[in-house]
Amino acid sequence: MKKAMFDELMSSAHEALEHARGERELRTTVVPPPPPPLSATEVRHMRLALNASQAVFARFLNVSTRLVQAWEADRRTPDGAAARLLEVGRRHPRAVFGGLVGGR
């Protein structure tokens, strides 16, 4: 093992020991829980509420029209970044769907 890597591992071990003894405060990061799953009906309702076609809705989310069709047919469920974006769009439609919300 290279000396630099060994030194880094030993430093980390010492920090962990100090933390266990209450001698060191470590930075903690609280990450948000994953977005709640959206059903096919919820995705379709969101899109229809915006009066958007599947293609336009997909464009705003930067996904394919086929993916939106799969969500609405209950063959797939939004996940990852798309699920988070839909969650934000549900709470703040103008932030995600801009020109589709309100008057045009």
N, C-alpha and C. Protein backbone atom coordinates (compact mmCIF):
# COMPACT_ATOMS: atom_id res chain seq x y z
N MET A 1 0.86 -1.18 0.00
CA MET A 1 0.00 0.00 0.00
C MET A 1 0.90 1.24 0.00
N LYS A 2 0.53 2.22 -0.78
CA LYS A 2 1.32 3.45 -0.85
C LYS A 2 1.20 4.22 0.46
N LYS A 3 2.26 4.92 0.80
CA LYS A 3 2.31 5.65 2.06
C LYS A 3 1.20 6.70 2.17
N ALA A 4 0.93 7.41 1.08
CA ALA A 4 -0.10 8.46 1.12
C ALA A 4 -1.47 7.85 1.43
N MET A 5 -1.78 6.70 0.83
CA MET A 5 -3.07 6.06 1.08
C MET A 5 -3.13 5.55 2.52
N PHE A 6 -2.03 4.97 3.01
CA PHE A 6 -1.98 4.50 4.38
C PHE A 6 -2.18 5.65 5.36
N ASP A 7 -1.52 6.77 5.11
CA ASP A 7 -1.65 7.94 5.98
C ASP A 7 -3.09 8.45 6.00
N GLU A 8 -3.74 8.45 4.85
CA GLU A 8 -5.14 8.90 4.77
C GLU A 8 -6.06 7.96 5.54
N LEU A 9 -5.83 6.66 5.41
CA LEU A 9 -6.64 5.68 6.15
C LEU A 9 -6.43 5.82 7.66
N MET A 10 -5.20 6.01 8.08
CA MET A 10 -4.92 6.18 9.51
C MET A 10 -5.56 7.46 10.05
N SER A 11 -5.52 8.53 9.27
CA SER A 11 -6.14 9.79 9.67
C SER A 11 -7.65 9.59 9.84
N SER A 12 -8.26 8.89 8.91
CA SER A 12 -9.70 8.63 8.99
C SER A 12 -10.02 7.77 10.20
N ALA A 13 -9.18 6.79 10.48
CA ALA A 13 -9.40 5.93 11.65
C ALA A 13 -9.31 6.74 12.94
N HIS A 14 -8.36 7.65 13.02
CA HIS A 14 -8.22 8.50 14.20
C HIS A 14 -9.44 9.41 14.36
N GLU A 15 -9.93 9.97 13.26
CA GLU A 15 -11.13 10.81 13.32
C GLU A 15 -12.33 10.00 13.81
N ALA A 16 -12.47 8.78 13.32
CA ALA A 16 -13.58 7.93 13.75
C ALA A 16 -13.48 7.62 15.24
N LEU A 17 -12.29 7.34 15.71
CA LEU A 17 -12.09 7.05 17.13
C LEU A 17 -12.40 8.28 17.98
N GLU A 18 -11.96 9.45 17.54
CA GLU A 18 -12.27 10.70 18.26
C GLU A 18 -13.78 10.93 18.31
N HIS A 19 -14.45 10.65 17.23
CA HIS A 19 -15.90 10.82 17.19
C HIS A 19 -16.57 9.85 18.16
N ALA A 20 -16.12 8.60 18.17
CA ALA A 20 -16.69 7.59 19.06
C ALA A 20 -16.50 7.98 20.53
N ARG A 21 -15.41 8.63 20.83
CA ARG A 21 -15.13 9.08 22.21
C ARG A 21 -15.85 10.39 22.56
N GLY A 22 -16.51 11.00 21.57
CA GLY A 22 -17.18 12.28 21.80
C GLY A 22 -16.24 13.47 21.75
N GLU A 23 -15.06 13.26 21.22
CA GLU A 23 -14.05 14.32 21.15
C GLU A 23 -14.11 15.09 19.84
N ARG A 24 -14.89 14.62 18.90
CA ARG A 24 -14.92 15.25 17.58
C ARG A 24 -16.36 15.26 17.06
N GLU A 25 -16.76 16.38 16.52
CA GLU A 25 -18.07 16.51 15.90
C GLU A 25 -17.90 16.34 14.40
N LEU A 26 -18.61 15.38 13.84
CA LEU A 26 -18.52 15.15 12.40
C LEU A 26 -19.68 15.84 11.70
N ARG A 27 -19.43 16.28 10.50
CA ARG A 27 -20.47 16.90 9.69
C ARG A 27 -21.47 15.82 9.29
N THR A 28 -22.72 16.14 9.41
CA THR A 28 -23.76 15.21 8.97
C THR A 28 -24.60 15.90 7.91
N THR A 29 -25.06 15.13 7.00
CA THR A 29 -25.92 15.64 5.94
C THR A 29 -27.22 14.85 5.96
N VAL A 30 -28.32 15.57 6.03
CA VAL A 30 -29.61 14.92 6.01
C VAL A 30 -30.13 14.99 4.58
N VAL A 31 -30.35 13.85 4.00
CA VAL A 31 -30.85 13.81 2.63
C VAL A 31 -32.36 13.60 2.67
N PRO A 32 -33.06 14.19 1.72
CA PRO A 32 -34.52 14.04 1.72
C PRO A 32 -34.90 12.61 1.35
N PRO A 33 -36.06 12.19 1.80
CA PRO A 33 -36.52 10.85 1.41
C PRO A 33 -36.84 10.84 -0.08
N PRO A 34 -36.90 9.67 -0.67
CA PRO A 34 -37.25 9.62 -2.09
C PRO A 34 -38.67 10.15 -2.30
N PRO A 35 -38.94 10.65 -3.49
CA PRO A 35 -40.29 11.17 -3.73
C PRO A 35 -41.30 10.03 -3.68
N PRO A 36 -42.53 10.37 -3.29
CA PRO A 36 -43.55 9.32 -3.25
C PRO A 36 -43.85 8.84 -4.67
N PRO A 37 -44.16 7.56 -4.83
CA PRO A 37 -44.45 7.06 -6.18
C PRO A 37 -45.73 7.68 -6.73
N LEU A 38 -45.75 7.88 -8.04
CA LEU A 38 -46.93 8.41 -8.70
C LEU A 38 -47.58 7.27 -9.49
N SER A 39 -48.87 7.17 -9.37
CA SER A 39 -49.60 6.15 -10.14
C SER A 39 -49.82 6.65 -11.57
N ALA A 40 -50.23 5.73 -12.43
CA ALA A 40 -50.55 6.08 -13.81
C ALA A 40 -51.64 7.14 -13.84
N THR A 41 -52.63 6.99 -12.98
CA THR A 41 -53.74 7.95 -12.93
C THR A 41 -53.26 9.33 -12.50
N GLU A 42 -52.35 9.37 -11.54
CA GLU A 42 -51.83 10.66 -11.06
C GLU A 42 -51.02 11.38 -12.14
N VAL A 43 -50.22 10.63 -12.88
CA VAL A 43 -49.43 11.24 -13.96
C VAL A 43 -50.38 11.79 -15.02
N ARG A 44 -51.35 11.00 -15.41
CA ARG A 44 -52.32 11.43 -16.44
C ARG A 44 -53.10 12.64 -15.95
N HIS A 45 -53.54 12.62 -14.71
CA HIS A 45 -54.29 13.75 -14.16
C HIS A 45 -53.44 15.03 -14.17
N MET A 46 -52.18 14.91 -13.79
CA MET A 46 -51.29 16.07 -13.79
C MET A 46 -51.16 16.64 -15.20
N ARG A 47 -50.97 15.75 -16.17
CA ARG A 47 -50.81 16.19 -17.56
C ARG A 47 -52.09 16.84 -18.08
N LEU A 48 -53.24 16.21 -17.82
CA LEU A 48 -54.51 16.76 -18.29
C LEU A 48 -54.84 18.09 -17.62
N ALA A 49 -54.47 18.23 -16.35
CA ALA A 49 -54.69 19.49 -15.64
C ALA A 49 -53.92 20.63 -16.30
N LEU A 50 -52.80 20.30 -16.93
CA LEU A 50 -51.99 21.29 -17.64
C LEU A 50 -52.46 21.48 -19.08
N ASN A 51 -53.43 20.66 -19.49
CA ASN A 51 -53.95 20.69 -20.86
C ASN A 51 -52.81 20.48 -21.87
N ALA A 52 -51.95 19.51 -21.55
CA ALA A 52 -50.79 19.24 -22.40
C ALA A 52 -50.92 17.87 -23.04
N SER A 53 -50.42 17.77 -24.25
CA SER A 53 -50.33 16.46 -24.89
C SER A 53 -49.22 15.67 -24.20
N GLN A 54 -49.18 14.38 -24.49
CA GLN A 54 -48.10 13.57 -23.92
C GLN A 54 -46.74 14.06 -24.41
N ALA A 55 -46.67 14.47 -25.66
CA ALA A 55 -45.40 14.94 -26.23
C ALA A 55 -44.93 16.23 -25.56
N VAL A 56 -45.85 17.15 -25.33
CA VAL A 56 -45.48 18.42 -24.69
C VAL A 56 -45.08 18.18 -23.23
N PHE A 57 -45.86 17.37 -22.54
CA PHE A 57 -45.56 17.03 -21.15
C PHE A 57 -44.17 16.40 -21.06
N ALA A 58 -43.89 15.47 -21.96
CA ALA A 58 -42.59 14.81 -21.99
C ALA A 58 -41.47 15.82 -22.23
N ARG A 59 -41.71 16.75 -23.12
CA ARG A 59 -40.68 17.76 -23.43
C ARG A 59 -40.31 18.60 -22.21
N PHE A 60 -41.34 18.98 -21.42
CA PHE A 60 -41.08 19.77 -20.21
C PHE A 60 -40.27 18.98 -19.19
N LEU A 61 -40.44 17.65 -19.18
CA LEU A 61 -39.72 16.81 -18.22
C LEU A 61 -38.41 16.27 -18.79
N ASN A 62 -38.15 16.56 -20.07
CA ASN A 62 -36.95 16.08 -20.76
C ASN A 62 -36.88 14.55 -20.76
N VAL A 63 -38.04 13.94 -21.04
CA VAL A 63 -38.12 12.49 -21.21
C VAL A 63 -38.81 12.23 -22.54
N SER A 64 -38.83 10.99 -22.96
CA SER A 64 -39.46 10.66 -24.24
C SER A 64 -40.98 10.56 -24.09
N THR A 65 -41.66 10.78 -25.20
CA THR A 65 -43.11 10.62 -25.23
C THR A 65 -43.48 9.18 -24.88
N ARG A 66 -42.70 8.24 -25.36
CA ARG A 66 -42.97 6.82 -25.06
C ARG A 66 -42.90 6.55 -23.56
N LEU A 67 -42.00 7.23 -22.87
CA LEU A 67 -41.91 7.03 -21.43
C LEU A 67 -43.18 7.55 -20.74
N VAL A 68 -43.65 8.72 -21.14
CA VAL A 68 -44.90 9.25 -20.58
C VAL A 68 -46.05 8.28 -20.88
N GLN A 69 -46.08 7.75 -22.08
CA GLN A 69 -47.12 6.77 -22.43
C GLN A 69 -47.03 5.54 -21.54
N ALA A 70 -45.81 5.08 -21.27
CA ALA A 70 -45.63 3.91 -20.40
C ALA A 70 -46.08 4.21 -18.97
N TRP A 71 -45.79 5.44 -18.50
CA TRP A 71 -46.26 5.82 -17.16
C TRP A 71 -47.78 5.78 -17.10
N GLU A 72 -48.41 6.36 -18.10
CA GLU A 72 -49.87 6.46 -18.09
C GLU A 72 -50.55 5.12 -18.34
N ALA A 73 -49.86 4.19 -18.98
CA ALA A 73 -50.41 2.85 -19.21
C ALA A 73 -50.07 1.91 -18.05
N ASP A 74 -49.39 2.43 -17.05
CA ASP A 74 -49.01 1.67 -15.85
C ASP A 74 -48.05 0.53 -16.17
N ARG A 75 -47.24 0.74 -17.23
CA ARG A 75 -46.19 -0.23 -17.56
C ARG A 75 -44.89 0.13 -16.86
N ARG A 76 -44.75 1.41 -16.54
CA ARG A 76 -43.57 1.90 -15.82
C ARG A 76 -44.03 2.93 -14.80
N THR A 77 -43.17 3.19 -13.84
CA THR A 77 -43.45 4.20 -12.81
C THR A 77 -42.34 5.23 -12.86
N PRO A 78 -42.68 6.52 -12.76
CA PRO A 78 -41.63 7.53 -12.74
C PRO A 78 -40.64 7.25 -11.61
N ASP A 79 -39.35 7.36 -11.94
CA ASP A 79 -38.33 7.16 -10.91
C ASP A 79 -37.20 8.14 -11.13
N GLY A 80 -36.26 8.13 -10.22
CA GLY A 80 -35.08 8.97 -10.33
C GLY A 80 -35.42 10.45 -10.43
N ALA A 81 -34.69 11.13 -11.29
CA ALA A 81 -34.85 12.58 -11.45
C ALA A 81 -36.25 12.94 -11.93
N ALA A 82 -36.84 12.10 -12.79
CA ALA A 82 -38.18 12.39 -13.28
C ALA A 82 -39.20 12.37 -12.15
N ALA A 83 -39.06 11.42 -11.23
CA ALA A 83 -39.99 11.35 -10.08
C ALA A 83 -39.85 12.60 -9.22
N ARG A 84 -38.60 13.04 -9.01
CA ARG A 84 -38.38 14.25 -8.19
C ARG A 84 -38.95 15.47 -8.91
N LEU A 85 -38.74 15.56 -10.21
CA LEU A 85 -39.25 16.70 -10.98
C LEU A 85 -40.77 16.72 -10.97
N LEU A 86 -41.40 15.57 -11.07
CA LEU A 86 -42.86 15.52 -11.00
C LEU A 86 -43.36 15.93 -9.61
N GLU A 87 -42.63 15.53 -8.58
CA GLU A 87 -42.99 15.94 -7.22
C GLU A 87 -42.93 17.47 -7.09
N VAL A 88 -41.87 18.07 -7.59
CA VAL A 88 -41.75 19.53 -7.55
C VAL A 88 -42.84 20.16 -8.40
N GLY A 89 -43.09 19.57 -9.58
CA GLY A 89 -44.12 20.10 -10.47
C GLY A 89 -45.51 20.03 -9.86
N ARG A 90 -45.74 19.04 -9.04
CA ARG A 90 -47.03 18.92 -8.36
C ARG A 90 -47.21 20.06 -7.34
N ARG A 91 -46.14 20.37 -6.63
CA ARG A 91 -46.22 21.43 -5.61
C ARG A 91 -46.06 22.83 -6.18
N HIS A 92 -45.23 22.96 -7.23
CA HIS A 92 -44.93 24.26 -7.82
C HIS A 92 -45.00 24.15 -9.34
N PRO A 93 -46.20 24.03 -9.89
CA PRO A 93 -46.32 23.78 -11.34
C PRO A 93 -45.63 24.81 -12.22
N ARG A 94 -45.67 26.06 -11.83
CA ARG A 94 -45.06 27.10 -12.67
C ARG A 94 -43.55 26.92 -12.76
N ALA A 95 -42.93 26.39 -11.71
CA ALA A 95 -41.48 26.21 -11.71
C ALA A 95 -41.05 25.15 -12.74
N VAL A 96 -41.88 24.15 -12.94
CA VAL A 96 -41.53 23.07 -13.85
C VAL A 96 -42.18 23.23 -15.22
N PHE A 97 -43.45 23.60 -15.21
CA PHE A 97 -44.22 23.62 -16.45
C PHE A 97 -44.49 25.02 -16.97
N GLY A 98 -43.86 26.02 -16.38
CA GLY A 98 -43.90 27.40 -16.82
C GLY A 98 -45.08 27.84 -17.65
N GLY A 99 -44.91 27.87 -18.95
CA GLY A 99 -45.90 28.41 -19.87
C GLY A 99 -47.20 27.63 -19.95
N LEU A 100 -47.22 26.41 -19.42
CA LEU A 100 -48.46 25.64 -19.43
C LEU A 100 -49.41 26.04 -18.31
N VAL A 101 -48.87 26.70 -17.30
CA VAL A 101 -49.66 27.04 -16.11
C VAL A 101 -50.27 28.41 -16.29
N GLY A 102 -51.56 28.52 -16.01
CA GLY A 102 -52.24 29.81 -16.10
C GLY A 102 -52.40 30.24 -17.55
N GLY A 103 -52.51 31.53 -17.76
CA GLY A 103 -52.70 32.07 -19.11
C GLY A 103 -51.49 31.85 -19.98
N ARG A 104 -51.73 31.81 -21.27
CA ARG A 104 -50.61 31.61 -22.21
C ARG A 104 -50.26 32.88 -22.91
